[in-house]
Amino acid sequence: MGTTSALAVGGFLLSKWQPTTIDETRIATVTESLIFTKVITSIMAGRTMLPFGHPHLEVCDDHHPNISVCDCVVVNGNSIGSKNCIERAQSGNKIRSAFSTVNINANFAVLSCPAGAPWANCLDVECEIDPVNPARAKCQCVTVKTGPSITFGGGCDTATCTSTIWSAATPDMYQAGMRQLRTAMDRVGKPVTFPKPCPAPK
């Protein structure tokens, strides 16, 4: 996996990915829904998670003022995140979320939501696998209430930016994540088809 260097920005600790080798160990990981909120430090193959109802992404429950609980399904495939592969290993029914490369395809579209529309930061958060149905898990995402956001949810309907809470990222983090994703996937010889932006509202 890549080595990392830490950079504190605006109160958040961001890791800058420095590619060395890619860890392809099959290891249990979870991907809640869709977008980066930090830059990539590792890519691996193994169990990942997508939101329930994929590709129509599940809405997160925001009953807690600072936490959005997102319902997810487990899938197999490559995933990426800002924690290394060991830190993302499953422990009992606990698992860390990551971003699944299954989300990076032409079936999705990139929806831009305005500042003031709450969204969920789900990357690297703790999730709990359903003991009755291990193909499902709930992730404790952080609710963000400031700044614009980018999401693959909403089906390009801008009204959903305020009617639902999507897992999302800031525009800067999204762009940085996509650049590093392309670099990482090129290194393992895997193609990437990025989702296109949603059409401008009429």
Protein backbone atom coordinates (compact mmCIF):
# COMPACT_ATOMS: atom_id res chain seq x y z
CA MET A 1 0.00 0.00 0.00
CA GLY A 2 1.09 3.63 -0.25
CA THR A 3 2.98 5.51 2.40
CA THR A 4 1.42 8.66 3.78
CA SER A 5 2.37 12.07 5.08
CA ALA A 6 0.02 14.07 7.27
CA LEU A 7 -1.14 17.62 6.65
CA ALA A 8 -3.45 19.54 8.97
CA VAL A 9 -5.90 21.69 7.02
CA GLY A 10 -8.75 23.62 8.61
CA GLY A 11 -8.84 21.38 11.66
CA PHE A 12 -8.89 18.16 9.60
CA LEU A 13 -5.96 15.77 9.31
CA LEU A 14 -5.50 14.92 5.65
CA SER A 15 -3.17 12.25 4.33
CA LYS A 16 -1.24 12.80 1.11
CA TRP A 17 -0.95 9.55 -0.83
CA GLN A 18 2.57 8.71 -1.96
CA PRO A 19 2.34 5.64 -4.23
CA THR A 20 4.68 2.77 -3.53
CA THR A 21 2.89 -0.56 -3.96
CA ILE A 22 -0.80 -1.41 -4.08
CA ASP A 23 -2.02 -3.90 -1.48
CA GLU A 24 -4.30 -6.41 -3.23
CA THR A 25 -4.91 -8.50 -0.09
CA ARG A 26 -8.51 -9.57 0.25
CA ILE A 27 -9.62 -7.86 3.42
CA ALA A 28 -13.01 -6.90 4.80
CA THR A 29 -13.93 -3.29 4.21
CA VAL A 30 -17.09 -1.29 3.90
CA THR A 31 -18.04 1.50 1.58
CA GLU A 32 -21.07 3.45 2.69
CA SER A 33 -22.06 5.28 -0.35
CA LEU A 34 -20.22 7.42 -2.69
CA ILE A 35 -17.72 10.19 -2.40
CA PHE A 36 -14.32 11.01 -0.91
CA THR A 37 -14.03 13.39 1.98
CA LYS A 38 -10.27 12.83 2.32
CA VAL A 39 -7.59 11.96 -0.17
CA ILE A 40 -6.66 8.38 -0.88
CA THR A 41 -4.00 6.48 1.02
CA SER A 42 -4.70 2.92 -0.11
CA ILE A 43 -6.56 0.77 -2.60
CA MET A 44 -7.33 -2.89 -2.07
CA ALA A 45 -9.57 -5.74 -3.13
CA GLY A 46 -12.05 -7.24 -0.70
CA ARG A 47 -15.47 -6.81 0.83
CA THR A 48 -16.83 -3.32 0.35
CA MET A 49 -20.21 -1.74 0.86
CA LEU A 50 -22.68 0.25 -1.16
CA PRO A 51 -25.83 2.00 0.06
CA PHE A 52 -28.99 -0.09 0.21
CA GLY A 53 -30.97 0.32 -2.98
CA HIS A 54 -27.89 0.80 -5.18
CA PRO A 55 -27.72 2.41 -7.72
CA HIS A 56 -30.53 4.59 -6.30
CA LEU A 57 -28.65 5.55 -3.17
CA GLU A 58 -30.24 5.22 0.23
CA VAL A 59 -31.05 8.29 2.31
CA CYS A 60 -29.32 8.63 5.67
CA ASP A 61 -31.22 8.92 8.96
CA ASP A 62 -30.34 12.18 10.74
CA HIS A 63 -32.17 11.86 14.07
CA HIS A 64 -28.95 12.70 15.93
CA PRO A 65 -27.87 16.36 15.42
CA ASN A 66 -24.30 15.48 14.43
CA ILE A 67 -24.58 11.90 13.13
CA SER A 68 -26.28 10.48 10.03
CA VAL A 69 -26.84 6.72 10.17
CA CYS A 70 -26.60 5.27 6.66
CA ASP A 71 -27.93 1.83 5.71
CA CYS A 72 -25.51 -0.08 3.47
CA VAL A 73 -25.11 -3.35 1.60
CA VAL A 74 -21.92 -5.41 1.37
CA VAL A 75 -20.36 -6.11 -2.03
CA ASN A 76 -17.04 -7.55 -3.19
CA GLY A 77 -14.57 -5.38 -5.06
CA ASN A 78 -11.83 -2.77 -4.86
CA SER A 79 -12.12 0.02 -2.34
CA ILE A 80 -10.13 3.10 -1.39
CA GLY A 81 -9.88 5.23 1.73
CA SER A 82 -7.64 7.46 3.79
CA LYS A 83 -6.86 4.75 6.35
CA ASN A 84 -4.46 1.96 5.47
CA CYS A 85 -5.65 -1.58 4.80
CA ILE A 86 -4.77 -2.88 8.28
CA GLU A 87 -6.72 -0.09 9.95
CA ARG A 88 -9.72 -0.94 7.77
CA ALA A 89 -9.72 -4.65 8.62
CA GLN A 90 -12.97 -6.08 9.98
CA SER A 91 -13.04 -6.80 13.73
CA GLY A 92 -16.01 -8.89 14.77
CA ASN A 93 -19.07 -7.08 13.46
CA LYS A 94 -17.24 -3.73 13.29
CA ILE A 95 -15.83 -2.42 10.03
CA ARG A 96 -14.63 0.90 8.61
CA SER A 97 -16.26 2.50 5.61
CA ALA A 98 -14.32 3.13 2.42
CA PHE A 99 -15.13 4.20 -1.14
CA SER A 100 -15.94 1.41 -3.58
CA THR A 101 -14.72 1.71 -7.14
CA VAL A 102 -18.02 0.05 -8.11
CA ASN A 103 -19.46 3.56 -7.80
CA ILE A 104 -17.15 4.90 -10.52
CA ASN A 105 -19.10 4.15 -13.69
CA ALA A 106 -21.42 5.73 -16.23
CA ASN A 107 -24.55 4.63 -14.32
CA PHE A 108 -24.00 7.42 -11.83
CA ALA A 109 -24.05 11.19 -12.26
CA VAL A 110 -22.38 13.92 -10.20
CA LEU A 111 -24.90 16.17 -8.44
CA SER A 112 -23.70 19.51 -7.02
CA CYS A 113 -25.59 20.71 -3.94
CA PRO A 114 -25.46 24.29 -2.62
CA ALA A 115 -23.97 25.56 0.63
CA GLY A 116 -26.38 25.14 3.51
CA ALA A 117 -27.72 21.75 2.36
CA PRO A 118 -26.68 19.19 5.03
CA TRP A 119 -24.69 16.16 3.86
CA ALA A 120 -23.00 13.12 5.40
CA ASN A 121 -19.26 12.56 5.64
CA CYS A 122 -19.01 8.76 5.57
CA LEU A 123 -15.42 7.99 4.62
CA ASP A 124 -13.55 5.88 7.21
CA VAL A 125 -16.38 5.98 9.75
CA GLU A 126 -17.24 2.98 11.88
CA CYS A 127 -19.98 0.65 10.68
CA GLU A 128 -21.74 -2.28 12.32
CA ILE A 129 -22.61 -5.38 10.30
CA ASP A 130 -26.12 -6.72 10.83
CA PRO A 131 -25.71 -10.01 12.78
CA VAL A 132 -28.89 -11.38 11.18
CA ASN A 133 -28.03 -10.27 7.65
CA PRO A 134 -24.25 -9.90 7.17
CA ALA A 135 -24.87 -8.42 3.72
CA ARG A 136 -26.07 -5.24 5.43
CA ALA A 137 -24.52 -2.73 7.84
CA LYS A 138 -25.19 0.67 9.35
CA CYS A 139 -22.53 3.39 9.26
CA GLN A 140 -22.19 6.30 11.72
CA CYS A 141 -21.52 9.18 9.29
CA VAL A 142 -20.74 12.73 10.39
CA THR A 143 -23.40 15.31 9.48
CA VAL A 144 -21.93 18.40 7.78
CA LYS A 145 -24.09 21.52 7.66
CA THR A 146 -21.82 24.05 5.92
CA GLY A 147 -20.43 24.49 2.43
CA PRO A 148 -21.37 23.07 -0.97
CA SER A 149 -21.16 19.33 -1.61
CA ILE A 150 -20.83 16.77 -4.41
CA THR A 151 -22.75 13.48 -4.41
CA PHE A 152 -23.65 10.59 -6.72
CA GLY A 153 -27.09 10.43 -5.10
CA GLY A 154 -30.29 12.26 -5.98
CA GLY A 155 -30.66 11.17 -9.58
CA CYS A 156 -29.74 14.73 -10.71
CA ASP A 157 -32.78 16.12 -8.89
CA THR A 158 -31.53 19.26 -7.13
CA ALA A 159 -34.59 19.25 -4.85
CA THR A 160 -33.14 16.21 -3.09
CA CYS A 161 -30.18 18.31 -1.91
CA THR A 162 -32.41 19.72 0.84
CA SER A 163 -35.05 16.97 1.15
CA THR A 164 -32.55 14.20 1.92
CA ILE A 165 -29.07 13.78 3.37
CA TRP A 166 -26.63 12.16 0.95
CA SER A 167 -23.16 10.85 1.60
CA ALA A 168 -21.03 13.45 -0.15
CA ALA A 169 -17.79 15.46 -0.24
CA THR A 170 -16.68 19.02 -0.77
CA PRO A 171 -15.93 19.91 -4.42
CA ASP A 172 -12.19 20.24 -3.70
CA MET A 173 -12.01 16.86 -2.00
CA TYR A 174 -13.97 15.23 -4.82
CA GLN A 175 -11.60 16.58 -7.48
CA ALA A 176 -8.51 15.59 -5.49
CA GLY A 177 -9.91 12.13 -4.87
CA MET A 178 -10.75 11.52 -8.52
CA ARG A 179 -7.24 12.54 -9.62
CA GLN A 180 -5.63 10.18 -7.15
CA LEU A 181 -8.09 7.42 -7.99
CA ARG A 182 -7.07 7.58 -11.66
CA THR A 183 -3.39 7.37 -10.68
CA ALA A 184 -4.01 4.40 -8.39
CA MET A 185 -6.15 2.49 -10.88
CA ASP A 186 -3.65 3.13 -13.69
CA ARG A 187 -0.97 1.55 -11.52
CA VAL A 188 -2.97 -1.68 -11.18
CA GLY A 189 -4.02 -1.64 -14.84
CA LYS A 190 -7.75 -1.13 -14.28
CA PRO A 191 -9.89 1.19 -16.42
CA VAL A 192 -11.87 4.06 -14.90
CA THR A 193 -15.03 5.60 -16.37
CA PHE A 194 -15.90 8.66 -14.31
CA PRO A 195 -19.54 9.69 -13.84
CA LYS A 196 -20.54 12.81 -15.76
CA PRO A 197 -21.87 15.98 -14.09
CA CYS A 198 -25.64 16.32 -13.94
CA PRO A 199 -27.15 18.62 -16.59
CA ALA A 200 -27.61 22.22 -15.48
CA PRO A 201 -31.11 22.85 -14.05
CA LYS A 202 -33.47 24.41 -16.58
